């Protein structure tokens, strides 16, 4: 018997997506005593039958499902928990609202199903363990119903009343990426499962609109820039665009916008640098999962692939700026984050004029959600004399999530150019040349 079985149901039309998920999980697993089972067929079976086949074929002390259009963000803590003898291993999940804001779900025994919302957004909530949690093998005998919708609820109705013990991991482990545009599960109202022991139908889960999963070019990486119509900035953007197209690394698309309205962002003078958040969100909507923001003051001068490698390993790319958040933070923002200026003086800043994210990474997702929330709450606003707007907020949030240890050192990959700055390091891939 192995410690854990990770089960991936799929279909031929989503094979490439499933393959990428399998490869990522295989990397996370490494040499751990974990098996990964993936089942794809010609759609002759229902999703319930497919889950049942995977479950029955598994040989783990615990089993958990990861659907081919979702994501597993970490496995270390789940694996360690399998050495305890509990009914279910629970954790947190990151989900998306229709307006692209995020909310977290905390799974745990004793929780009721809740969908608390405010202004059309679901809020962080608690729920009972779902099939994506790691269940002890003693629950294998309970069957998934043979339907294409609500099969998970059919199974959960049987096991939840008898599950008594759990090990909870207070981390985001799973990312829920349901997209009605690409799902092939049936959502017909007549497909509900009837528990033979009860006379009521299984409730159908609520779904949320998600980001699309593929881009027009098929590439998942993109560099993005936005300028607000100023002629000087437009010429800088053209310069950056030219350097991107001529870069030795051809794994990314370059996407540029010329006005805040292109990404439905507020005007720069109303909410400074909010357009950066909206531009990145726009690319996520377009299907990109690895996204790098680059100011128009930059020029790419060398193969960009080391940056993507850094993002793949860390989940993000931030480079030291050489400042402290306490020196560039107004009182309103200190109050918002609940910190003192003295505390902020211990928080090193990173250069938000160039930064990147792997949105398949849980920490990156959580960071960006909080960064966006601080923008929506007005923390980017403030005087240019004592506040660095998006950069200040981002650096405080990065410190909160212990991301500082993974900053690249100042000048390691991006360098100011000029006589006073000296010779750039050979690792530099971008020059800050200004306007």
Protein backbone atom coordinates (compact mmCIF):
# COMPACT_ATOMS: atom_id res chain seq x y z
CA UNK A 1 0.00 0.00 0.00
CA UNK A 2 1.23 3.47 -0.90
CA UNK A 3 0.55 6.50 1.31
CA UNK A 4 -1.55 8.62 -1.06
CA UNK A 5 -3.36 8.23 -4.37
CA UNK A 6 -3.97 11.35 -6.49
CA UNK A 7 -6.78 10.69 -8.98
CA UNK A 8 -7.26 12.68 -12.21
CA UNK A 9 -10.34 12.04 -14.38
CA UNK A 10 -10.08 13.41 -17.91
CA UNK A 11 -11.31 13.14 -21.49
CA UNK A 12 -9.42 13.18 -24.84
CA UNK A 13 -10.42 16.76 -25.72
CA UNK A 14 -8.65 17.99 -22.58
CA UNK A 15 -5.64 15.70 -22.78
CA UNK A 16 -3.03 18.47 -23.09
CA UNK A 17 -4.44 20.21 -20.03
CA UNK A 18 -4.48 16.93 -18.10
CA UNK A 19 -0.94 16.14 -19.23
CA UNK A 20 0.33 19.48 -17.92
CA UNK A 21 -1.43 18.89 -14.61
CA UNK A 22 0.02 15.38 -14.38
CA UNK A 23 3.55 16.67 -15.03
CA UNK A 24 3.21 19.38 -12.41
CA UNK A 25 1.90 16.95 -9.78
CA UNK A 26 4.63 14.47 -10.69
CA UNK A 27 7.20 17.20 -9.99
CA UNK A 28 5.55 18.02 -6.65
CA UNK A 29 5.52 14.34 -5.70
CA UNK A 30 9.21 13.75 -6.38
CA UNK A 31 10.33 10.64 -4.50
CA UNK A 32 7.39 10.58 -2.06
CA UNK A 33 5.36 7.38 -1.68
CA UNK A 34 2.49 8.73 -3.80
CA UNK A 35 0.81 7.26 -6.87
CA UNK A 36 -0.83 9.38 -9.58
CA UNK A 37 -3.65 7.76 -11.56
CA UNK A 38 -5.18 9.45 -14.59
CA UNK A 39 -8.11 7.99 -16.50
CA UNK A 40 -9.22 9.23 -19.89
CA UNK A 41 -11.76 7.57 -22.13
CA UNK A 42 -14.07 8.16 -25.09
CA UNK A 43 -16.85 9.65 -22.94
CA UNK A 44 -18.74 6.36 -22.81
CA UNK A 45 -18.67 6.58 -19.02
CA UNK A 46 -20.26 9.16 -16.78
CA UNK A 47 -18.01 11.24 -14.57
CA UNK A 48 -19.42 9.29 -11.62
CA UNK A 49 -18.36 6.00 -13.20
CA UNK A 50 -14.94 7.43 -13.97
CA UNK A 51 -14.41 8.58 -10.38
CA UNK A 52 -15.55 5.19 -9.18
CA UNK A 53 -13.05 3.39 -11.46
CA UNK A 54 -10.18 5.60 -10.29
CA UNK A 55 -11.11 5.18 -6.64
CA UNK A 56 -11.35 1.39 -6.95
CA UNK A 57 -8.02 1.19 -8.80
CA UNK A 58 -6.21 3.27 -6.18
CA UNK A 59 -3.83 1.65 -3.72
CA UNK A 60 -3.27 4.52 -1.31
CA UNK A 61 -3.91 4.72 2.40
CA UNK A 62 -5.63 7.98 1.39
CA UNK A 63 -7.12 9.11 -1.95
CA UNK A 64 -7.99 12.55 -3.34
CA UNK A 65 -9.30 13.89 -6.65
CA UNK A 66 -7.82 16.67 -8.76
CA UNK A 67 -9.90 17.39 -11.85
CA UNK A 68 -8.00 18.12 -15.05
CA UNK A 69 -9.11 21.77 -15.18
CA UNK A 70 -8.20 22.48 -11.54
CA UNK A 71 -4.80 22.72 -9.89
CA UNK A 72 -2.88 21.20 -6.98
CA UNK A 73 -0.64 23.83 -5.46
CA UNK A 74 1.31 21.82 -2.89
CA UNK A 75 1.44 18.25 -1.58
CA UNK A 76 4.09 18.15 1.17
CA UNK A 77 1.76 18.81 4.10
CA UNK A 78 -0.97 16.52 2.79
CA UNK A 79 1.56 13.74 2.38
CA UNK A 80 2.91 14.19 5.91
CA UNK A 81 -0.64 14.05 7.26
CA UNK A 82 -1.21 10.64 5.68
CA UNK A 83 1.00 9.10 8.38
CA UNK A 84 -1.74 9.88 10.88
CA UNK A 85 -4.89 7.76 11.02
CA UNK A 86 -7.77 10.18 10.49
CA UNK A 87 -10.88 9.94 8.35
CA UNK A 88 -10.09 12.92 6.15
CA UNK A 89 -7.30 15.43 5.57
CA UNK A 90 -8.69 18.91 4.95
CA UNK A 91 -7.19 22.18 3.76
CA UNK A 92 -8.02 25.52 2.12
CA UNK A 93 -9.02 26.15 -1.47
CA UNK A 94 -8.78 29.28 -3.63
CA UNK A 95 -11.81 30.12 -5.80
CA UNK A 96 -12.79 32.95 -8.12
CA UNK A 97 -15.83 35.18 -8.27
CA UNK A 98 -17.42 36.25 -11.53
CA UNK A 99 -15.71 39.66 -11.24
CA UNK A 100 -12.31 37.94 -10.91
CA UNK A 101 -11.94 38.63 -7.19
CA UNK A 102 -10.92 35.65 -5.12
CA UNK A 103 -12.28 33.99 -2.04
CA UNK A 104 -10.97 31.18 0.13
CA UNK A 105 -12.82 28.07 1.21
CA UNK A 106 -11.80 26.35 4.44
CA UNK A 107 -12.85 22.70 4.48
CA UNK A 108 -13.53 21.01 7.79
CA UNK A 109 -15.77 18.49 9.50
CA UNK A 110 -18.81 20.03 11.13
CA UNK A 111 -18.99 22.92 8.68
CA UNK A 112 -22.23 23.69 6.93
CA UNK A 113 -22.34 24.57 3.24
CA UNK A 114 -22.43 28.34 2.98
CA UNK A 115 -22.24 30.90 0.22
CA UNK A 116 -21.87 34.21 2.03
CA UNK A 117 -21.82 37.06 -0.46
CA UNK A 118 -21.52 40.84 -0.55
CA UNK A 119 -22.19 43.03 -3.58
CA UNK A 120 -22.32 39.97 -5.81
CA UNK A 121 -19.06 38.44 -4.53
CA UNK A 122 -18.69 35.27 -2.55
CA UNK A 123 -16.67 35.85 0.61
CA UNK A 124 -14.27 33.57 2.44
CA UNK A 125 -16.29 30.72 3.86
CA UNK A 126 -16.22 27.30 5.51
CA UNK A 127 -17.55 24.08 4.00
CA UNK A 128 -17.55 20.37 4.84
CA UNK A 129 -14.83 18.24 3.24
CA UNK A 130 -15.30 17.70 -0.50
CA UNK A 131 -14.03 14.86 -2.69
CA UNK A 132 -10.89 16.91 -3.40
CA UNK A 133 -9.78 16.40 0.21
CA UNK A 134 -7.72 13.32 1.09
CA UNK A 135 -9.99 10.54 2.34
CA UNK A 136 -8.98 7.42 4.22
CA UNK A 137 -9.24 4.18 2.23
CA UNK A 138 -11.99 2.95 4.55
CA UNK A 139 -14.34 5.21 2.59
CA UNK A 140 -13.60 3.47 -0.72
CA UNK A 141 -16.63 1.19 -0.44
CA UNK A 142 -19.07 4.09 -0.80
CA UNK A 143 -20.00 4.55 -4.45
CA UNK A 144 -20.17 7.59 -6.70
CA UNK A 145 -23.51 7.64 -8.52
CA UNK A 146 -23.42 7.07 -12.28
CA UNK A 147 -24.31 10.63 -13.41
CA UNK A 148 -22.51 13.52 -15.07
CA UNK A 149 -23.49 16.15 -12.56
CA UNK A 150 -23.59 16.29 -8.75
CA UNK A 151 -21.89 12.91 -8.54
CA UNK A 152 -19.60 14.36 -5.86
CA UNK A 153 -22.59 15.34 -3.75
CA UNK A 154 -24.02 11.88 -4.15
CA UNK A 155 -20.88 10.38 -2.68
CA UNK A 156 -20.46 13.01 0.03
CA UNK A 157 -23.97 12.51 1.35
CA UNK A 158 -22.95 8.96 2.21
CA UNK A 159 -19.56 9.61 3.82
CA UNK A 160 -20.00 12.93 5.64
CA UNK A 161 -22.37 11.56 8.32
CA UNK A 162 -19.85 8.90 9.34
CA UNK A 163 -16.58 10.87 9.07
CA UNK A 164 -15.51 11.82 12.61
CA UNK A 165 -11.81 12.70 12.64
CA UNK A 166 -9.67 15.01 10.51
CA UNK A 167 -6.25 16.57 10.13
CA UNK A 168 -6.57 20.18 8.96
CA UNK A 169 -3.83 21.92 6.99
CA UNK A 170 -4.23 25.72 7.28
CA UNK A 171 -2.87 26.34 3.77
CA UNK A 172 -4.25 26.78 0.27
CA UNK A 173 -3.64 23.40 -1.35
CA UNK A 174 -6.16 23.34 -4.21
CA UNK A 175 -7.28 25.89 -6.78
CA UNK A 176 -10.79 25.55 -8.19
CA UNK A 177 -10.80 26.48 -11.89
CA UNK A 178 -14.29 25.57 -13.08
CA UNK A 179 -15.08 27.28 -16.37
CA UNK A 180 -18.51 26.81 -17.93
CA UNK A 181 -17.00 27.58 -21.33
CA UNK A 182 -14.83 24.48 -21.31
CA UNK A 183 -16.51 22.04 -18.95
CA UNK A 184 -18.06 18.99 -20.51
CA UNK A 185 -20.03 17.90 -17.49
CA UNK A 186 -23.77 18.01 -17.99
CA UNK A 187 -25.66 20.69 -16.10
CA UNK A 188 -29.14 19.69 -17.13
CA UNK A 189 -31.61 20.21 -14.32
CA UNK A 190 -32.99 16.69 -14.61
CA UNK A 191 -29.67 15.10 -13.71
CA UNK A 192 -29.77 14.81 -9.95
CA UNK A 193 -28.95 11.86 -7.81
CA UNK A 194 -31.36 10.30 -5.37
CA UNK A 195 -29.81 8.82 -2.26
CA UNK A 196 -31.47 5.42 -1.85
CA UNK A 197 -31.55 5.97 1.91
CA UNK A 198 -33.19 9.36 1.70
CA UNK A 199 -36.10 10.87 -0.16
CA UNK A 200 -34.48 14.11 -1.22
CA UNK A 201 -32.36 15.08 -4.18
CA UNK A 202 -28.72 15.97 -3.89
CA UNK A 203 -28.34 19.77 -4.04
CA UNK A 204 -26.56 20.96 -7.16
CA UNK A 205 -23.39 22.94 -6.55
CA UNK A 206 -23.10 26.59 -7.45
CA UNK A 207 -20.51 27.33 -10.10
CA UNK A 208 -18.49 30.44 -10.73
CA UNK A 209 -17.25 32.02 -13.91
CA UNK A 210 -13.52 31.48 -14.34
CA UNK A 211 -10.70 32.65 -16.49
CA UNK A 212 -10.49 31.06 -19.91
CA UNK A 213 -7.93 28.29 -20.16
CA UNK A 214 -6.27 28.84 -23.54
CA UNK A 215 -4.83 31.82 -25.42
CA UNK A 216 -5.11 32.57 -29.11
CA UNK A 217 -1.45 31.74 -29.68
CA UNK A 218 -1.37 28.73 -27.38
CA UNK A 219 1.36 30.34 -25.26
CA UNK A 220 0.77 30.62 -21.52
CA UNK A 221 3.41 33.30 -20.88
CA UNK A 222 3.05 37.00 -21.58
CA UNK A 223 4.71 40.32 -20.82
CA UNK A 224 2.26 43.19 -20.42
CA UNK A 225 2.57 46.97 -20.46
CA UNK A 226 0.09 49.84 -20.42
CA UNK A 227 0.62 53.54 -21.05
CA UNK A 228 -2.07 56.18 -20.76
CA UNK A 229 -1.92 57.85 -24.16
CA UNK A 230 0.96 60.25 -23.53
CA UNK A 231 3.10 60.51 -26.67
CA UNK A 232 6.37 60.18 -24.78
CA UNK A 233 5.19 57.03 -23.03
CA UNK A 234 3.88 55.62 -26.31
CA UNK A 235 7.32 55.91 -27.89
CA UNK A 236 8.83 54.15 -24.86
CA UNK A 237 6.26 51.38 -25.19
CA UNK A 238 7.20 50.97 -28.86
CA UNK A 239 10.85 50.71 -27.80
CA UNK A 240 9.99 48.03 -25.22
CA UNK A 241 7.81 46.17 -27.71
CA UNK A 242 10.65 46.11 -30.27
CA UNK A 243 13.06 44.68 -27.68
CA UNK A 244 10.52 42.01 -26.70
CA UNK A 245 9.93 40.86 -30.27
CA UNK A 246 13.69 40.61 -30.82
CA UNK A 247 14.41 38.71 -27.62
CA UNK A 248 16.07 35.31 -27.90
CA UNK A 249 13.33 33.84 -25.73
CA UNK A 250 10.27 33.10 -27.90
CA UNK A 251 8.14 31.45 -25.23
CA UNK A 252 6.02 34.54 -24.45
CA UNK A 253 3.60 36.95 -26.08
CA UNK A 254 3.97 40.71 -25.65
CA UNK A 255 0.66 42.50 -24.97
CA UNK A 256 0.42 46.26 -24.71
CA UNK A 257 -2.41 48.69 -24.05
CA UNK A 258 -2.53 52.44 -24.74
CA UNK A 259 -5.19 53.60 -22.34
CA UNK A 260 -6.75 52.71 -18.99
CA UNK A 261 -10.07 52.21 -20.75
CA UNK A 262 -8.55 49.28 -22.70
CA UNK A 263 -8.61 47.24 -19.48
CA UNK A 264 -11.56 49.01 -17.80
CA UNK A 265 -9.23 50.58 -15.23
CA UNK A 266 -9.88 53.87 -13.43
CA UNK A 267 -7.87 56.87 -14.58
CA UNK A 268 -4.32 57.08 -13.27
CA UNK A 269 -4.99 60.41 -11.54
CA UNK A 270 -8.00 58.92 -9.72
CA UNK A 271 -6.32 55.68 -8.57
CA UNK A 272 -2.57 55.70 -9.34
CA UNK A 273 -1.22 52.56 -10.98
CA UNK A 274 -4.51 50.70 -10.62
CA UNK A 275 -4.19 50.08 -14.37
CA UNK A 276 -1.36 47.65 -13.60
CA UNK A 277 -3.74 45.37 -11.68
CA UNK A 278 -6.38 45.60 -14.37
CA UNK A 279 -3.90 44.92 -17.18
CA UNK A 280 -2.64 41.77 -15.47
CA UNK A 281 -6.24 40.67 -14.85
CA UNK A 282 -7.00 41.26 -18.53
CA UNK A 283 -4.26 38.86 -19.51
CA UNK A 284 -5.56 36.27 -17.08
CA UNK A 285 -8.95 36.58 -18.77
CA UNK A 286 -7.18 36.03 -22.10
CA UNK A 287 -5.83 32.71 -20.82
CA UNK A 288 -2.28 33.55 -19.74
CA UNK A 289 -1.08 31.92 -16.53
CA UNK A 290 2.49 33.26 -16.31
CA UNK A 291 2.39 37.04 -16.54
CA UNK A 292 5.18 39.59 -16.22
CA UNK A 293 4.49 43.32 -15.83
CA UNK A 294 7.12 45.63 -17.33
CA UNK A 295 7.17 49.44 -17.21
CA UNK A 296 7.65 51.31 -20.47
CA UNK A 297 10.93 52.70 -19.09
CA UNK A 298 12.52 49.28 -19.59
CA UNK A 299 14.28 47.64 -22.49
CA UNK A 300 14.96 43.91 -22.77
CA UNK A 301 18.63 43.27 -23.53
CA UNK A 302 19.18 39.54 -23.04
CA UNK A 303 17.47 36.15 -23.12
CA UNK A 304 14.46 36.41 -20.81
CA UNK A 305 14.19 32.69 -20.03
CA UNK A 306 16.01 32.96 -16.63
CA UNK A 307 13.11 35.10 -15.39
CA UNK A 308 10.52 32.50 -16.39
CA UNK A 309 12.64 29.84 -14.70
CA UNK A 310 12.69 31.94 -11.51
CA UNK A 311 8.90 32.37 -11.68
CA UNK A 312 8.42 28.65 -12.24
CA UNK A 313 10.56 27.80 -9.19
CA UNK A 314 9.28 30.49 -6.80
CA UNK A 315 5.79 31.21 -8.14
CA UNK A 316 6.67 34.91 -8.61
CA UNK A 317 9.51 37.30 -9.47
CA UNK A 318 10.26 40.30 -7.25
CA UNK A 319 13.58 42.15 -7.19
CA UNK A 320 14.91 44.20 -4.26
CA UNK A 321 14.39 47.95 -4.62
CA UNK A 322 16.71 49.09 -1.83
CA UNK A 323 13.99 50.94 0.13
CA UNK A 324 11.88 50.23 3.21
CA UNK A 325 8.10 50.36 3.14
CA UNK A 326 8.08 52.62 6.21
CA UNK A 327 9.85 55.36 4.25
CA UNK A 328 7.25 55.34 1.51
CA UNK A 329 3.91 54.63 3.16
CA UNK A 330 1.18 57.10 4.11
CA UNK A 331 -0.75 56.79 7.34
CA UNK A 332 -3.94 55.61 5.66
CA UNK A 333 -2.14 52.59 4.23
CA UNK A 334 -0.47 51.79 7.55
CA UNK A 335 -3.93 51.84 9.12
CA UNK A 336 -5.36 49.61 6.39
CA UNK A 337 -2.74 46.92 6.97
CA UNK A 338 -2.84 47.35 10.75
CA UNK A 339 0.90 48.04 11.11
CA UNK A 340 3.02 50.80 12.63
CA UNK A 341 5.60 52.82 10.76
CA UNK A 342 8.27 51.14 12.86
CA UNK A 343 7.05 47.75 11.69
CA UNK A 344 6.96 48.98 8.08
CA UNK A 345 10.59 50.06 8.42
CA UNK A 346 11.50 46.37 8.68
CA UNK A 347 9.80 45.52 5.36
CA UNK A 348 12.09 45.71 2.31
CA UNK A 349 10.43 46.91 -0.88
CA UNK A 350 10.64 45.32 -4.30
CA UNK A 351 10.57 47.10 -7.65
CA UNK A 352 6.96 46.89 -8.78
CA UNK A 353 7.86 48.37 -12.18
CA UNK A 354 8.86 44.85 -13.20
CA UNK A 355 7.39 41.81 -11.51
CA UNK A 356 5.88 38.50 -12.51
CA UNK A 357 3.49 35.79 -11.37
CA UNK A 358 2.71 32.15 -11.99
CA UNK A 359 -1.02 32.12 -11.40
CA UNK A 360 -0.99 28.36 -11.01
CA UNK A 361 0.89 28.96 -7.75
CA UNK A 362 -1.23 29.37 -4.61
CA UNK A 363 1.00 31.94 -2.93
CA UNK A 364 1.07 34.07 -6.09
CA UNK A 365 -2.72 33.90 -6.35
CA UNK A 366 -3.19 34.88 -2.73
CA UNK A 367 -0.68 37.73 -3.00
CA UNK A 368 -2.31 39.16 -6.10
CA UNK A 369 -5.80 38.93 -4.62
CA UNK A 370 -4.69 40.94 -1.59
CA UNK A 371 -2.79 43.42 -3.77
CA UNK A 372 -5.90 44.00 -5.84
CA UNK A 373 -8.04 44.33 -2.72
CA UNK A 374 -5.72 47.02 -1.33
CA UNK A 375 -6.11 48.91 -4.61
CA UNK A 376 -9.90 48.64 -4.48
CA UNK A 377 -9.79 49.99 -0.92
CA UNK A 378 -7.89 53.11 -1.99
CA UNK A 379 -4.41 52.25 -0.72
CA UNK A 380 -2.75 53.07 -4.04
CA UNK A 381 -3.87 56.68 -3.61
CA UNK A 382 -1.57 59.21 -1.99
CA UNK A 383 1.05 61.87 -2.55
CA UNK A 384 4.06 61.08 -4.75
CA UNK A 385 6.28 62.67 -2.09
CA UNK A 386 5.73 60.09 0.68
CA UNK A 387 3.93 57.15 -0.88
CA UNK A 388 4.84 54.60 -3.55
CA UNK A 389 1.24 53.56 -4.24
CA UNK A 390 1.16 50.01 -5.71
CA UNK A 391 4.79 49.33 -4.75
CA UNK A 392 4.21 50.12 -1.08
CA UNK A 393 1.14 47.90 -0.81
CA UNK A 394 2.80 45.06 -2.71
CA UNK A 395 5.89 45.12 -0.50
CA UNK A 396 3.86 45.01 2.71
CA UNK A 397 1.81 42.09 1.41
CA UNK A 398 4.97 40.27 0.25
CA UNK A 399 6.42 40.64 3.75
CA UNK A 400 3.21 39.26 5.26
CA UNK A 401 3.47 36.14 3.10
CA UNK A 402 7.19 35.59 3.76
CA UNK A 403 8.06 36.21 0.12
CA UNK A 404 10.96 38.55 0.88
CA UNK A 405 13.41 35.65 1.22
CA UNK A 406 12.77 34.86 -2.44
CA UNK A 407 13.45 38.36 -3.82
CA UNK A 408 16.22 38.50 -6.38
CA UNK A 409 19.00 40.83 -5.27
CA UNK A 410 18.97 44.41 -6.52
CA UNK A 411 20.56 44.69 -9.94
CA UNK A 412 20.71 40.93 -10.43
CA UNK A 413 18.40 40.88 -13.45
CA UNK A 414 17.40 44.51 -14.03
CA UNK A 415 19.73 47.49 -13.85
CA UNK A 416 19.67 51.26 -14.21
CA UNK A 417 21.88 52.48 -17.04
CA UNK A 418 24.15 55.50 -16.73
CA UNK A 419 27.64 56.48 -15.71
CA UNK A 420 26.70 56.79 -12.03
CA UNK A 421 25.37 53.23 -11.90
CA UNK A 422 28.48 51.42 -13.10
CA UNK A 423 28.62 48.30 -15.28
CA UNK A 424 25.55 46.01 -15.13
CA UNK A 425 26.01 42.44 -13.96
CA UNK A 426 26.27 39.77 -16.69
CA UNK A 427 22.98 38.28 -15.41
CA UNK A 428 20.99 41.41 -16.33
CA UNK A 429 18.18 40.89 -18.85
CA UNK A 430 16.61 44.37 -18.77
CA UNK A 431 17.84 47.95 -18.64
CA UNK A 432 15.99 50.78 -16.94
CA UNK A 433 16.62 53.60 -19.38
CA UNK A 434 13.79 55.98 -18.43
CA UNK A 435 11.82 58.19 -20.77
